[in-house]
Amino acid sequence: YSSSYQLPGRRAAAIHDSQQWSDKVPSRAIKFPQVHRAPKRKKRFPPMFRRRRSQQKKESESQTELGMAVYRKGVSMAKEQKWEEAILAWQHSLEVLEGVIGKQHRIIAKIYNKIGVAYYALGETYKYESYEAFQEALSIQQKSLQPGDKDLVETLNNICYLLHNEQKRGDHSEQSSVSSSSTESLSEE
């Protein structure tokens, strides 16, 4: 093999390196080995599993649509101030959606926030349920949302409003009990 004649470009180096150059073959008739590579394919599941995956996907999409439809029903009930029915609808949508999108999703937190508002609207007897729902929404939002997100701020405002009004009620009840006890002591004298 003589190195006096070199083929132009990278092909010459490749031929030289791979020992495929032959003195018997003239330079214009050199046949370069062609490398055929099949394109990379996505891993495909056997047809049986493909059907199952598409069925599961369709089922999860229909479950999500069902959960969101029930959520919207709860919103419409809340607009009509039918709080008990709204709470029941939202609780049902929670059951459906938690199975599909998971518990740590912003929609789940939003539903808990709406449940808290509905319990608050029902009055004094449901203040603890309202606070629990707000706390659940807050714990989900702190894990899944950025600090300044509007849903997170809304939940914090609802908690503050609930606690502020509870404090006001506590102050008024203490003042009324103090004033009634002072009037009793004055009447005894």
Protein backbone atom coordinates (compact mmCIF):
# COMPACT_ATOMS: atom_id res chain seq x y z
CA TYR A 1 0.00 0.00 0.00
CA SER A 2 1.43 3.30 -0.98
CA SER A 3 0.43 6.49 0.68
CA SER A 4 1.41 8.63 -2.34
CA TYR A 5 -2.13 8.73 -3.67
CA GLN A 6 -4.81 9.97 -1.26
CA LEU A 7 -8.52 10.11 -1.81
CA PRO A 8 -10.11 13.47 -1.05
CA GLY A 9 -12.10 14.09 2.09
CA ARG A 10 -13.10 12.01 5.05
CA ARG A 11 -13.91 8.95 3.03
CA ALA A 12 -10.26 8.44 2.23
CA ALA A 13 -9.33 8.47 5.89
CA ALA A 14 -12.11 6.06 6.69
CA ILE A 15 -11.05 3.68 3.96
CA HIS A 16 -7.44 3.87 5.03
CA ASP A 17 -8.31 3.32 8.67
CA SER A 18 -10.59 0.40 8.06
CA GLN A 19 -8.13 -1.42 5.79
CA GLN A 20 -10.60 -1.56 2.93
CA TRP A 21 -8.33 -0.06 0.33
CA SER A 22 -7.20 -2.47 -2.29
CA ASP A 23 -4.45 -1.99 -4.88
CA LYS A 24 -6.38 -4.14 -7.30
CA VAL A 25 -9.29 -1.75 -7.58
CA PRO A 26 -8.68 1.53 -9.39
CA SER A 27 -9.54 4.68 -7.43
CA ARG A 28 -12.58 5.60 -9.51
CA ALA A 29 -14.19 2.19 -8.93
CA ILE A 30 -13.86 2.11 -5.16
CA LYS A 31 -17.04 0.95 -3.53
CA PHE A 32 -17.53 2.27 -0.09
CA PRO A 33 -19.40 0.16 2.39
CA GLN A 34 -22.79 1.68 3.09
CA VAL A 35 -23.95 1.83 6.61
CA HIS A 36 -27.66 1.38 6.92
CA ARG A 37 -29.11 2.28 10.25
CA ALA A 38 -32.73 1.80 10.91
CA PRO A 39 -34.39 4.85 12.44
CA LYS A 40 -34.96 4.59 16.14
CA ARG A 41 -38.48 3.56 16.89
CA LYS A 42 -40.50 4.23 19.93
CA LYS A 43 -40.98 1.19 22.03
CA ARG A 44 -44.34 -0.13 21.10
CA PHE A 45 -46.38 -2.29 23.31
CA PRO A 46 -47.96 -5.42 21.92
CA PRO A 47 -51.43 -4.78 20.46
CA MET A 48 -53.15 -6.24 23.49
CA PHE A 49 -51.45 -3.72 25.81
CA ARG A 50 -51.96 -0.86 23.35
CA ARG A 51 -55.70 -1.37 23.52
CA ARG A 52 -55.60 -1.42 27.30
CA ARG A 53 -53.60 1.81 27.44
CA SER A 54 -55.95 3.59 25.05
CA GLN A 55 -58.95 2.32 26.99
CA GLN A 56 -57.40 3.46 30.26
CA LYS A 57 -56.66 6.86 28.75
CA LYS A 58 -60.24 7.20 27.50
CA GLU A 59 -61.58 6.14 30.89
CA SER A 60 -59.40 8.65 32.74
CA GLU A 61 -60.43 11.42 30.34
CA SER A 62 -64.10 10.58 30.84
CA GLN A 63 -63.60 10.48 34.62
CA THR A 64 -61.92 13.89 34.50
CA GLU A 65 -64.77 15.27 32.42
CA LEU A 66 -67.28 13.81 34.88
CA GLY A 67 -65.45 15.30 37.85
CA MET A 68 -65.28 18.72 36.23
CA ALA A 69 -68.97 18.57 35.28
CA VAL A 70 -69.91 17.83 38.88
CA TYR A 71 -67.58 20.66 39.99
CA ARG A 72 -69.38 23.09 37.65
CA LYS A 73 -72.71 21.89 39.04
CA GLY A 74 -71.47 22.77 42.51
CA VAL A 75 -70.46 26.22 41.31
CA SER A 76 -73.93 26.82 39.87
CA MET A 77 -75.52 25.64 43.14
CA ALA A 78 -73.28 28.03 45.07
CA LYS A 79 -74.36 30.93 42.85
CA GLU A 80 -77.95 30.12 43.80
CA GLN A 81 -76.80 29.93 47.47
CA LYS A 82 -77.76 26.27 47.78
CA TRP A 83 -74.74 25.59 49.93
CA GLU A 84 -75.53 22.04 51.07
CA GLU A 85 -76.06 20.86 47.49
CA ALA A 86 -72.89 22.66 46.37
CA ILE A 87 -70.87 20.95 49.10
CA LEU A 88 -72.23 17.54 48.14
CA ALA A 89 -71.42 18.15 44.47
CA TRP A 90 -67.88 19.29 45.28
CA GLN A 91 -67.28 16.33 47.58
CA HIS A 92 -68.39 14.00 44.79
CA SER A 93 -66.10 15.76 42.32
CA LEU A 94 -63.24 15.37 44.82
CA GLU A 95 -63.82 11.61 44.96
CA VAL A 96 -63.80 11.35 41.17
CA LEU A 97 -60.89 13.70 40.46
CA GLU A 98 -58.56 12.48 43.22
CA GLY A 99 -58.57 9.05 41.58
CA VAL A 100 -57.66 10.51 38.20
CA ILE A 101 -55.37 13.51 38.73
CA GLY A 102 -54.14 12.80 42.26
CA LYS A 103 -54.57 14.59 45.55
CA GLN A 104 -51.78 17.15 45.04
CA HIS A 105 -53.34 19.08 42.16
CA ARG A 106 -54.38 22.72 42.05
CA ILE A 107 -57.95 21.83 41.02
CA ILE A 108 -58.32 19.66 44.13
CA ALA A 109 -57.08 22.56 46.27
CA LYS A 110 -59.52 24.91 44.56
CA ILE A 111 -62.40 22.57 45.33
CA TYR A 112 -61.38 22.38 49.00
CA ASN A 113 -61.27 26.17 49.07
CA LYS A 114 -64.80 26.37 47.62
CA ILE A 115 -66.02 23.81 50.16
CA GLY A 116 -64.57 26.00 52.93
CA VAL A 117 -66.39 29.06 51.57
CA ALA A 118 -69.65 27.08 51.41
CA TYR A 119 -69.28 25.87 55.00
CA TYR A 120 -68.55 29.43 56.10
CA ALA A 121 -71.71 30.61 54.34
CA LEU A 122 -73.73 28.00 56.25
CA GLY A 123 -72.96 29.80 59.48
CA GLU A 124 -71.48 29.49 62.93
CA THR A 125 -72.11 25.75 63.35
CA TYR A 126 -69.84 24.87 60.40
CA LYS A 127 -66.88 27.12 61.15
CA TYR A 128 -64.63 24.17 62.08
CA GLU A 129 -65.41 22.33 58.82
CA SER A 130 -64.73 25.55 56.95
CA TYR A 131 -61.35 25.95 58.64
CA GLU A 132 -60.42 22.31 57.94
CA ALA A 133 -61.27 22.67 54.25
CA PHE A 134 -59.19 25.87 54.00
CA GLN A 135 -56.27 24.14 55.74
CA GLU A 136 -56.45 21.19 53.34
CA ALA A 137 -56.48 23.56 50.36
CA LEU A 138 -53.54 25.48 51.81
CA SER A 139 -51.42 22.37 52.41
CA ILE A 140 -51.95 21.22 48.80
CA GLN A 141 -51.26 24.67 47.38
CA GLN A 142 -48.06 25.16 49.37
CA LYS A 143 -46.69 21.95 47.83
CA SER A 144 -47.83 22.50 44.26
CA LEU A 145 -47.98 26.28 43.63
CA GLN A 146 -45.56 29.19 43.58
CA PRO A 147 -45.65 31.53 46.62
CA GLY A 148 -47.52 34.40 44.92
CA ASP A 149 -50.11 32.32 43.05
CA LYS A 150 -53.61 33.83 43.06
CA ASP A 151 -55.29 30.62 44.31
CA LEU A 152 -52.87 30.42 47.23
CA VAL A 153 -53.46 34.08 48.09
CA GLU A 154 -57.23 33.54 47.90
CA THR A 155 -57.03 30.63 50.35
CA LEU A 156 -54.87 32.62 52.76
CA ASN A 157 -57.32 35.52 52.58
CA ASN A 158 -60.21 33.18 53.33
CA ILE A 159 -58.42 31.78 56.38
CA CYS A 160 -57.62 35.29 57.62
CA TYR A 161 -61.20 36.41 57.07
CA LEU A 162 -62.53 33.36 58.96
CA LEU A 163 -60.16 33.87 61.90
CA HIS A 164 -60.72 37.62 61.98
CA ASN A 165 -64.50 37.21 62.14
CA GLU A 166 -64.14 34.49 64.76
CA GLN A 167 -62.04 36.84 66.85
CA LYS A 168 -64.67 39.56 66.48
CA ARG A 169 -67.39 37.16 67.60
CA GLY A 170 -65.25 36.15 70.56
CA ASP A 171 -64.68 39.78 71.52
CA HIS A 172 -68.40 40.57 71.31
CA SER A 173 -69.38 37.55 73.40
CA GLU A 174 -66.79 38.43 76.05
CA GLN A 175 -67.97 42.03 76.18
CA SER A 176 -71.60 40.99 76.46
CA SER A 177 -70.80 38.50 79.23
CA VAL A 178 -68.73 41.13 81.05
CA SER A 179 -71.42 43.75 80.69
CA SER A 180 -74.14 41.34 81.83
CA SER A 181 -72.09 40.26 84.86
CA SER A 182 -71.37 43.87 85.78
CA THR A 183 -75.06 44.77 85.55
CA GLU A 184 -75.89 41.79 87.75
CA SER A 185 -73.37 42.88 90.35
CA LEU A 186 -74.77 46.41 90.26
CA SER A 187 -78.31 45.18 90.70
CA GLU A 188 -77.28 43.04 93.70
CA GLU A 189 -75.86 46.05 95.54
